[in-house]
């Protein structure tokens, strides 16, 4: 996607070079590398890995036995 730095309009058409309203040269809004970054999960020291969690809902199961 490209955007106009003057009027902040965003264009999906990659071949467009100039803003249709004010003639300013368009700039890329992101690079392909930025959209494919994989984020790591934060470490949670108080998380209980043996807690009974329902695999379908992700809710904690109540065990009364």
N, C-alpha and C. Protein backbone atom coordinates (compact mmCIF):
# COMPACT_ATOMS: atom_id res chain seq x y z
N UNK A 1 0.85 -1.18 0.00
CA UNK A 1 0.00 0.00 0.00
C UNK A 1 0.89 1.23 0.00
N UNK A 2 0.34 2.28 -0.53
CA UNK A 2 1.06 3.56 -0.55
C UNK A 2 0.16 4.63 0.06
N UNK A 3 0.80 5.66 0.60
CA UNK A 3 0.05 6.74 1.24
C UNK A 3 0.64 8.08 0.84
N UNK A 4 -0.21 9.09 0.90
CA UNK A 4 0.22 10.46 0.63
C UNK A 4 0.67 11.08 1.96
N UNK A 5 1.92 11.52 2.06
CA UNK A 5 2.38 12.12 3.32
C UNK A 5 1.74 13.48 3.61
N UNK A 6 1.13 14.11 2.60
CA UNK A 6 0.51 15.42 2.79
C UNK A 6 -0.92 15.31 3.30
N UNK A 7 -1.74 14.50 2.61
CA UNK A 7 -3.17 14.43 2.99
C UNK A 7 -3.56 13.11 3.66
N UNK A 8 -2.61 12.19 3.84
CA UNK A 8 -2.81 10.91 4.54
C UNK A 8 -3.79 9.97 3.85
N UNK A 9 -4.03 10.13 2.56
CA UNK A 9 -4.86 9.18 1.83
C UNK A 9 -4.05 7.93 1.55
N UNK A 10 -4.68 6.76 1.63
CA UNK A 10 -4.00 5.50 1.39
C UNK A 10 -4.53 4.90 0.10
N UNK A 11 -3.60 4.41 -0.72
CA UNK A 11 -3.94 3.81 -2.01
C UNK A 11 -3.49 2.36 -2.03
N UNK A 12 -4.35 1.47 -2.51
CA UNK A 12 -4.01 0.06 -2.64
C UNK A 12 -3.31 -0.25 -3.95
N UNK A 13 -3.39 0.63 -4.91
CA UNK A 13 -2.83 0.41 -6.23
C UNK A 13 -1.33 0.72 -6.19
N UNK A 14 -0.50 -0.31 -6.28
CA UNK A 14 0.94 -0.16 -6.11
C UNK A 14 1.62 0.64 -7.23
N UNK A 15 1.07 0.64 -8.42
CA UNK A 15 1.71 1.35 -9.53
C UNK A 15 1.49 2.85 -9.50
N UNK A 16 0.58 3.32 -8.68
CA UNK A 16 0.31 4.75 -8.56
C UNK A 16 1.50 5.43 -7.90
N UNK A 17 1.98 6.54 -8.48
CA UNK A 17 3.17 7.22 -7.98
C UNK A 17 2.86 8.54 -7.27
N UNK A 18 1.74 9.19 -7.65
CA UNK A 18 1.43 10.50 -7.10
C UNK A 18 0.00 10.53 -6.58
N UNK A 19 -0.25 11.36 -5.57
CA UNK A 19 -1.59 11.52 -5.00
C UNK A 19 -2.51 12.12 -6.04
N UNK A 20 -3.72 11.60 -6.13
CA UNK A 20 -4.68 12.08 -7.12
C UNK A 20 -5.28 13.43 -6.75
N UNK A 21 -5.13 13.86 -5.49
CA UNK A 21 -5.73 15.12 -5.05
C UNK A 21 -4.75 16.28 -4.99
N UNK A 22 -3.53 16.01 -4.49
CA UNK A 22 -2.60 17.14 -4.35
C UNK A 22 -1.29 16.96 -5.12
N UNK A 23 -1.09 15.81 -5.78
CA UNK A 23 0.09 15.61 -6.61
C UNK A 23 1.37 15.25 -5.89
N UNK A 24 1.31 15.05 -4.58
CA UNK A 24 2.50 14.69 -3.81
C UNK A 24 2.91 13.26 -4.14
N UNK A 25 4.24 13.01 -4.19
CA UNK A 25 4.73 11.66 -4.44
C UNK A 25 4.34 10.75 -3.28
N UNK A 26 3.80 9.57 -3.60
CA UNK A 26 3.36 8.62 -2.58
C UNK A 26 4.53 7.86 -1.99
N UNK A 27 4.38 7.44 -0.75
CA UNK A 27 5.40 6.66 -0.06
C UNK A 27 4.81 5.30 0.35
N UNK A 28 5.67 4.28 0.45
CA UNK A 28 5.22 2.97 0.91
C UNK A 28 4.88 3.05 2.39
N UNK A 29 3.77 2.41 2.77
CA UNK A 29 3.35 2.46 4.17
C UNK A 29 3.99 1.37 5.01
N UNK A 30 4.47 0.28 4.38
CA UNK A 30 5.12 -0.79 5.11
C UNK A 30 5.96 -1.61 4.15
N UNK A 31 6.85 -2.39 4.71
CA UNK A 31 7.64 -3.31 3.88
C UNK A 31 7.13 -4.72 4.11
N UNK A 32 7.44 -5.62 3.19
CA UNK A 32 7.00 -7.01 3.32
C UNK A 32 7.56 -7.67 4.57
N UNK A 33 8.76 -7.29 4.99
CA UNK A 33 9.38 -7.88 6.17
C UNK A 33 8.61 -7.51 7.43
N UNK A 34 8.08 -6.30 7.50
CA UNK A 34 7.35 -5.86 8.69
C UNK A 34 6.06 -6.64 8.89
N UNK A 35 5.45 -7.10 7.82
CA UNK A 35 4.17 -7.78 7.94
C UNK A 35 4.31 -9.26 8.25
N UNK A 36 5.54 -9.81 8.21
CA UNK A 36 5.71 -11.24 8.45
C UNK A 36 6.54 -11.54 9.69
N UNK A 37 6.74 -10.56 10.55
CA UNK A 37 7.50 -10.82 11.78
C UNK A 37 6.72 -11.73 12.70
N UNK A 38 7.43 -12.66 13.32
CA UNK A 38 6.80 -13.57 14.26
C UNK A 38 7.15 -13.10 15.67
N UNK A 39 6.14 -12.88 16.48
CA UNK A 39 6.35 -12.39 17.83
C UNK A 39 6.51 -13.55 18.79
N UNK A 40 7.38 -13.40 19.77
CA UNK A 40 7.56 -14.44 20.77
C UNK A 40 6.58 -14.23 21.92
N UNK A 41 6.23 -15.31 22.58
CA UNK A 41 5.32 -15.23 23.71
C UNK A 41 6.07 -14.76 24.94
N UNK A 42 5.46 -13.92 25.76
CA UNK A 42 6.13 -13.46 26.98
C UNK A 42 6.23 -14.58 28.01
N UNK A 43 7.28 -14.55 28.82
CA UNK A 43 7.45 -15.54 29.88
C UNK A 43 6.50 -15.20 31.03
N UNK A 44 5.74 -16.18 31.50
CA UNK A 44 4.80 -15.98 32.60
C UNK A 44 5.20 -16.88 33.76
N UNK A 45 5.92 -16.35 34.74
CA UNK A 45 6.42 -17.19 35.82
C UNK A 45 5.32 -17.75 36.73
N UNK A 46 4.16 -17.14 36.78
CA UNK A 46 3.09 -17.61 37.66
C UNK A 46 2.11 -18.54 36.94
N UNK A 47 2.42 -18.94 35.72
CA UNK A 47 1.52 -19.81 34.97
C UNK A 47 1.67 -21.25 35.45
N UNK A 48 0.56 -21.94 35.65
CA UNK A 48 0.56 -23.32 36.11
C UNK A 48 0.41 -24.25 34.90
N UNK A 49 1.49 -24.94 34.49
CA UNK A 49 1.40 -25.80 33.30
C UNK A 49 0.58 -27.06 33.53
N UNK A 50 0.28 -27.41 34.77
CA UNK A 50 -0.49 -28.62 35.05
C UNK A 50 -1.96 -28.32 35.31
N UNK A 51 -2.39 -27.09 35.15
CA UNK A 51 -3.78 -26.73 35.39
C UNK A 51 -4.68 -27.44 34.39
N UNK A 52 -5.84 -27.95 34.84
CA UNK A 52 -6.75 -28.65 33.92
C UNK A 52 -7.52 -27.66 33.04
N UNK A 53 -7.11 -27.53 31.79
CA UNK A 53 -7.72 -26.59 30.86
C UNK A 53 -8.45 -27.37 29.78
N UNK A 54 -9.68 -26.96 29.49
CA UNK A 54 -10.47 -27.58 28.43
C UNK A 54 -9.82 -27.23 27.09
N UNK A 55 -9.41 -28.26 26.30
CA UNK A 55 -8.72 -27.97 25.04
C UNK A 55 -9.60 -27.31 23.99
N UNK A 56 -10.92 -27.39 24.13
CA UNK A 56 -11.81 -26.81 23.14
C UNK A 56 -12.15 -25.35 23.42
N UNK A 57 -12.30 -25.01 24.71
CA UNK A 57 -12.69 -23.64 25.06
C UNK A 57 -11.56 -22.82 25.65
N UNK A 58 -10.53 -23.48 26.19
CA UNK A 58 -9.43 -22.78 26.84
C UNK A 58 -9.76 -22.35 28.25
N UNK A 59 -10.93 -22.78 28.77
CA UNK A 59 -11.33 -22.42 30.12
C UNK A 59 -10.79 -23.41 31.13
N UNK A 60 -10.55 -22.92 32.32
CA UNK A 60 -10.10 -23.77 33.42
C UNK A 60 -11.23 -24.67 33.86
N UNK A 61 -10.94 -25.99 33.95
CA UNK A 61 -11.96 -26.95 34.36
C UNK A 61 -11.98 -27.05 35.88
N UNK A 62 -13.17 -27.13 36.44
CA UNK A 62 -13.31 -27.29 37.89
C UNK A 62 -13.31 -28.76 38.21
N UNK A 63 -12.35 -29.18 39.02
CA UNK A 63 -12.31 -30.57 39.47
C UNK A 63 -12.71 -30.60 40.94
N UNK A 64 -13.67 -31.39 41.23
CA UNK A 64 -14.14 -31.50 42.61
C UNK A 64 -13.83 -32.87 43.19
N UNK A 65 -12.81 -33.52 42.73
CA UNK A 65 -12.44 -34.83 43.26
C UNK A 65 -11.08 -34.85 43.83
